[in-house]
Amino acid sequence: MTPLSHAQALAEVDRGRAGPAVAAFFDLDGTLVTGFTAAAFLENRLRQGELDSGVVAEILRLGLEGLFGRIQFDEFLELSLGTLAGRPAAELEALGRELFEREIRARLQLPIVELVFAHRERDHTVVLATSATSFQADPVARVLGIEHVLCNRLAVDERGDLTGRIEGGVIWAEGKARAAQAFAEAHDIDLADSHFYADGSEDVASMFLVGHPRPVNPGRRMRAVAGRRGWPVIRVPEPAGMRAVRPRGSAVRERLLAALGRSERPR
């Protein structure tokens, strides 16, 4: 397995082809942010008394079963998101923005965020591709200036309330790969020149779509495939001995720090 430092990843973007025909797909959980964004929503619902601890434990158990392939992920989504049926969509959108500011923004991973900005500077088409819901994904995309989001969106009835069902196909594993491929066809993307950044085994199919698959802190199966295929692997934080990433220009640094909700300390 070949390690790829953050500096090398940035240089790769800088010397590659420019223009919107090149896409950069970024996974959310475990890639752009540490951990699972859904946990913030579950914890909030538990605090608000909307779910009891037994229901939360069952949702988490089913989520793990889905990750390990013991149940279909769409079955897990149906069971977990069904508990939102009847809630106003606007209420969940506002909650998503609130939880981003309160909890998720601080979990953005600077080296991967910098790659987002590097791709934007090359006029690449940047896409957030995640199995998370729009309530988790849209606030992140908005802050990072990502215009395109492939995620699971909940259907809304004529009153603006959630039905508990997913619109269209489920974005997960092969479903995410199909969505990415359809997006590429619709936007004249050259996948052979494109990049995909993700960590989980469910994204192996998506990695095979592009010419530059870049696993980030890969799990066991992704790590094994990367080793066999010779895919360079990005680690966050970097192992000792690899040069730490540093934003290259003051304007870029200011945008990065703003996205992360941080500021320069006076010297």
Protein backbone atom coordinates (compact mmCIF):
# COMPACT_ATOMS: atom_id res chain seq x y z
CA MET A 1 0.00 0.00 0.00
CA THR A 2 1.48 3.32 -1.13
CA PRO A 3 1.20 6.28 1.28
CA LEU A 4 0.31 9.66 -0.18
CA SER A 5 1.24 12.70 1.89
CA HIS A 6 -1.04 15.71 1.98
CA ALA A 7 1.61 17.75 0.15
CA GLN A 8 1.80 15.07 -2.56
CA ALA A 9 -2.00 14.96 -2.87
CA LEU A 10 -2.10 18.75 -3.31
CA ALA A 11 0.72 18.66 -5.87
CA GLU A 12 -1.13 15.96 -7.77
CA VAL A 13 -4.19 18.21 -8.05
CA ASP A 14 -2.06 21.24 -9.01
CA ARG A 15 -0.26 19.50 -11.86
CA GLY A 16 -3.30 17.64 -13.17
CA ARG A 17 -5.76 18.68 -15.81
CA ALA A 18 -7.83 21.79 -15.02
CA GLY A 19 -11.43 22.54 -15.88
CA PRO A 20 -14.96 21.34 -15.05
CA ALA A 21 -14.65 18.09 -17.03
CA VAL A 22 -12.58 16.82 -14.08
CA ALA A 23 -14.62 15.89 -11.01
CA ALA A 24 -13.55 15.44 -7.40
CA PHE A 25 -15.99 13.32 -5.38
CA PHE A 26 -15.72 13.52 -1.58
CA ASP A 27 -17.36 11.17 0.92
CA LEU A 28 -18.63 12.81 4.13
CA ASP A 29 -18.44 10.57 7.22
CA GLY A 30 -14.88 9.46 7.96
CA THR A 31 -13.48 11.52 5.08
CA LEU A 32 -14.45 15.20 5.24
CA VAL A 33 -15.44 14.86 8.90
CA THR A 34 -14.34 12.51 11.63
CA GLY A 35 -16.89 9.94 12.78
CA PHE A 36 -20.55 9.75 11.79
CA THR A 37 -22.66 12.89 11.44
CA ALA A 38 -25.81 10.85 12.10
CA ALA A 39 -24.65 10.41 15.71
CA ALA A 40 -25.18 14.14 16.35
CA PHE A 41 -28.79 13.85 15.17
CA LEU A 42 -29.47 10.73 17.24
CA GLU A 43 -27.94 12.30 20.35
CA ASN A 44 -30.08 15.40 19.84
CA ARG A 45 -33.26 13.36 19.50
CA LEU A 46 -32.34 11.45 22.64
CA ARG A 47 -31.72 14.70 24.56
CA GLN A 48 -35.04 16.11 23.36
CA GLY A 49 -36.90 13.00 24.50
CA GLU A 50 -38.01 12.13 20.95
CA LEU A 51 -36.44 8.68 21.18
CA ASP A 52 -35.74 6.51 24.18
CA SER A 53 -32.35 4.90 24.68
CA GLY A 54 -33.67 1.51 23.57
CA VAL A 55 -34.74 2.85 20.16
CA VAL A 56 -31.40 4.64 19.70
CA ALA A 57 -29.53 1.43 20.59
CA GLU A 58 -31.60 -0.52 18.06
CA ILE A 59 -30.94 2.06 15.32
CA LEU A 60 -27.20 1.93 16.05
CA ARG A 61 -27.28 -1.89 16.05
CA LEU A 62 -29.06 -1.95 12.69
CA GLY A 63 -26.57 0.58 11.34
CA LEU A 64 -23.69 -1.71 12.25
CA GLU A 65 -25.51 -4.68 10.75
CA GLY A 66 -25.82 -2.67 7.54
CA LEU A 67 -22.15 -1.71 7.57
CA PHE A 68 -21.16 -5.35 7.95
CA GLY A 69 -23.56 -6.45 5.22
CA ARG A 70 -25.83 -8.49 7.47
CA ILE A 71 -28.91 -6.52 6.41
CA GLN A 72 -29.55 -4.35 3.37
CA PHE A 73 -28.58 -0.73 4.00
CA ASP A 74 -31.84 0.46 2.42
CA GLU A 75 -33.67 -1.64 5.01
CA PHE A 76 -31.75 0.13 7.76
CA LEU A 77 -32.56 3.54 6.25
CA GLU A 78 -36.23 2.66 5.98
CA LEU A 79 -36.34 1.62 9.63
CA SER A 80 -34.34 4.57 10.99
CA LEU A 81 -35.74 7.34 8.80
CA GLY A 82 -39.28 6.09 9.23
CA THR A 83 -39.16 7.58 12.73
CA LEU A 84 -39.04 11.04 11.09
CA ALA A 85 -42.36 10.64 9.26
CA GLY A 86 -44.67 13.59 9.90
CA ARG A 87 -41.92 16.01 10.90
CA PRO A 88 -41.78 19.30 8.92
CA ALA A 89 -38.85 19.21 6.49
CA ALA A 90 -38.02 22.83 7.33
CA GLU A 91 -37.59 21.86 10.98
CA LEU A 92 -35.01 19.19 10.10
CA GLU A 93 -33.20 21.57 7.76
CA ALA A 94 -32.88 24.11 10.57
CA LEU A 95 -31.71 21.40 12.95
CA GLY A 96 -29.08 20.30 10.44
CA ARG A 97 -27.68 23.83 10.26
CA GLU A 98 -27.70 24.13 14.05
CA LEU A 99 -25.94 20.80 14.63
CA PHE A 100 -23.35 21.64 12.00
CA GLU A 101 -22.43 24.85 13.78
CA ARG A 102 -22.59 23.31 17.24
CA GLU A 103 -20.87 19.96 16.68
CA ILE A 104 -19.93 18.99 13.14
CA ARG A 105 -17.95 22.02 11.94
CA ALA A 106 -15.28 21.32 14.58
CA ARG A 107 -14.90 17.79 13.16
CA LEU A 108 -14.00 18.89 9.62
CA GLN A 109 -10.60 17.45 8.67
CA LEU A 110 -8.31 20.29 7.55
CA PRO A 111 -6.16 18.27 5.10
CA ILE A 112 -9.25 16.99 3.24
CA VAL A 113 -10.94 20.39 3.34
CA GLU A 114 -7.80 21.84 1.77
CA LEU A 115 -8.11 19.30 -1.04
CA VAL A 116 -11.66 20.55 -1.66
CA PHE A 117 -10.28 24.08 -2.05
CA ALA A 118 -7.40 22.86 -4.23
CA HIS A 119 -9.86 21.21 -6.62
CA ARG A 120 -12.04 24.32 -6.65
CA GLU A 121 -8.98 26.44 -7.55
CA ARG A 122 -8.43 24.18 -10.57
CA ASP A 123 -12.05 24.79 -11.62
CA HIS A 124 -12.90 21.12 -11.07
CA THR A 125 -16.47 19.98 -10.50
CA VAL A 126 -16.54 19.19 -6.78
CA VAL A 127 -19.20 16.75 -5.57
CA LEU A 128 -20.16 15.68 -2.05
CA ALA A 129 -21.19 12.02 -2.44
CA THR A 130 -22.55 10.46 0.75
CA SER A 131 -25.10 8.00 2.09
CA ALA A 132 -26.01 10.60 4.73
CA THR A 133 -29.23 12.59 4.43
CA SER A 134 -29.46 16.08 3.00
CA PHE A 135 -29.93 17.41 6.55
CA GLN A 136 -26.38 16.22 7.34
CA ALA A 137 -24.75 16.90 3.98
CA ASP A 138 -26.14 20.24 2.80
CA PRO A 139 -24.72 22.41 5.63
CA VAL A 140 -21.23 20.97 5.02
CA ALA A 141 -21.50 21.53 1.27
CA ARG A 142 -22.71 25.09 1.78
CA VAL A 143 -19.78 26.07 4.00
CA LEU A 144 -17.19 24.43 1.71
CA GLY A 145 -18.65 25.92 -1.45
CA ILE A 146 -19.58 22.52 -2.91
CA GLU A 147 -22.38 23.03 -5.42
CA HIS A 148 -23.24 19.39 -6.14
CA VAL A 149 -24.49 16.95 -3.49
CA LEU A 150 -25.35 13.29 -4.05
CA CYS A 151 -27.07 12.11 -0.88
CA ASN A 152 -30.23 10.49 0.46
CA ARG A 153 -33.11 12.96 0.33
CA LEU A 154 -36.35 12.29 2.14
CA ALA A 155 -39.64 12.60 0.31
CA VAL A 156 -41.93 15.44 1.40
CA ASP A 157 -45.73 15.49 1.18
CA GLU A 158 -47.93 18.37 0.00
CA ARG A 159 -47.88 19.91 3.51
CA GLY A 160 -44.07 20.00 3.59
CA ASP A 161 -43.85 17.11 6.05
CA LEU A 162 -41.49 14.16 5.73
CA THR A 163 -43.01 10.87 4.60
CA GLY A 164 -40.19 8.75 6.04
CA ARG A 165 -39.30 7.44 2.56
CA ILE A 166 -36.26 8.10 0.38
CA GLU A 167 -36.61 9.91 -2.95
CA GLY A 168 -35.25 7.79 -5.79
CA GLY A 169 -32.63 5.11 -5.28
CA VAL A 170 -30.66 4.75 -2.07
CA ILE A 171 -27.20 6.36 -2.22
CA TRP A 172 -25.02 3.62 -0.76
CA ALA A 173 -22.32 1.26 -2.08
CA GLU A 174 -23.23 0.34 -5.68
CA GLY A 175 -26.09 2.83 -5.46
CA LYS A 176 -23.60 5.62 -4.82
CA ALA A 177 -21.45 4.43 -7.71
CA ARG A 178 -24.50 4.46 -10.03
CA ALA A 179 -25.40 7.98 -8.85
CA ALA A 180 -21.82 9.18 -9.45
CA GLN A 181 -21.77 7.63 -12.91
CA ALA A 182 -25.13 9.18 -13.80
CA PHE A 183 -23.90 12.55 -12.55
CA ALA A 184 -20.78 12.24 -14.68
CA GLU A 185 -22.82 11.46 -17.79
CA ALA A 186 -25.19 14.37 -17.14
CA HIS A 187 -22.35 16.87 -16.58
CA ASP A 188 -19.86 15.69 -19.25
CA ILE A 189 -17.36 14.55 -16.65
CA ASP A 190 -14.25 12.65 -17.75
CA LEU A 191 -14.08 9.99 -15.04
CA ALA A 192 -10.65 8.82 -16.21
CA ASP A 193 -9.23 12.18 -15.07
CA SER A 194 -11.40 12.43 -11.94
CA HIS A 195 -10.77 11.79 -8.23
CA PHE A 196 -12.73 10.01 -5.49
CA TYR A 197 -11.90 10.43 -1.79
CA ALA A 198 -13.53 8.00 0.65
CA ASP A 199 -12.75 5.70 3.57
CA GLY A 200 -15.28 2.86 3.76
CA SER A 201 -15.50 -0.52 2.05
CA GLU A 202 -18.92 0.45 0.70
CA ASP A 203 -17.18 2.96 -1.58
CA VAL A 204 -14.91 0.48 -3.34
CA ALA A 205 -17.30 0.37 -6.32
CA SER A 206 -17.14 4.16 -6.63
CA MET A 207 -13.34 4.12 -6.53
CA PHE A 208 -13.26 1.87 -9.60
CA LEU A 209 -15.11 4.54 -11.60
CA VAL A 210 -12.31 7.12 -11.55
CA GLY A 211 -8.74 7.39 -12.71
CA HIS A 212 -7.57 8.73 -9.34
CA PRO A 213 -9.08 6.71 -6.47
CA ARG A 214 -7.74 8.09 -3.18
CA PRO A 215 -8.68 6.18 -0.01
CA VAL A 216 -8.61 8.30 3.17
CA ASN A 217 -7.97 6.41 6.42
CA PRO A 218 -9.35 3.29 4.72
CA GLY A 219 -11.12 0.50 6.53
CA ARG A 220 -9.96 -3.11 6.25
CA ARG A 221 -11.57 -4.03 2.92
CA MET A 222 -10.76 -0.70 1.26
CA ARG A 223 -7.18 -1.03 2.54
CA ALA A 224 -6.89 -4.52 1.06
CA VAL A 225 -8.23 -3.41 -2.33
CA ALA A 226 -5.94 -0.36 -2.30
CA GLY A 227 -2.96 -2.62 -1.65
CA ARG A 228 -3.85 -4.94 -4.52
CA ARG A 229 -4.63 -2.12 -6.96
CA GLY A 230 -1.78 0.19 -5.97
CA TRP A 231 -4.06 3.05 -4.92
CA PRO A 232 -2.19 5.72 -2.93
CA VAL A 233 -3.60 6.11 0.59
CA ILE A 234 -4.03 9.39 2.50
CA ARG A 235 -3.77 9.32 6.30
CA VAL A 236 -5.28 11.95 8.61
CA PRO A 237 -3.45 12.88 10.74
CA GLU A 238 -0.29 12.13 8.83
CA PRO A 239 2.12 9.53 10.24
CA ALA A 240 5.26 10.87 11.88
CA GLY A 241 7.90 11.83 9.37
CA MET A 242 5.48 13.01 6.67
CA ARG A 243 5.34 16.76 6.13
CA ALA A 244 2.23 18.32 7.64
CA VAL A 245 -0.12 20.15 5.30
CA ARG A 246 -0.02 23.94 5.29
CA PRO A 247 -2.38 26.15 3.26
CA ARG A 248 -0.31 27.73 0.52
CA GLY A 249 -1.58 31.29 0.32
CA SER A 250 -3.04 33.71 2.81
CA ALA A 251 -6.35 33.98 0.92
CA VAL A 252 -6.71 30.20 0.79
CA ARG A 253 -5.78 29.94 4.45
CA GLU A 254 -8.41 32.50 5.41
CA ARG A 255 -11.11 30.58 3.53
CA LEU A 256 -10.03 27.31 5.12
CA LEU A 257 -10.04 28.76 8.62
CA ALA A 258 -13.45 30.32 8.00
CA ALA A 259 -14.83 26.95 6.90
CA LEU A 260 -13.45 25.37 10.03
CA GLY A 261 -14.75 28.17 12.24
CA ARG A 262 -11.25 29.11 13.39
CA SER A 263 -9.10 32.21 13.23
CA GLU A 264 -5.41 32.98 13.21
CA ARG A 265 -3.91 33.51 16.62
CA PRO A 266 -1.98 36.77 16.92
CA ARG A 267 1.76 36.21 17.13
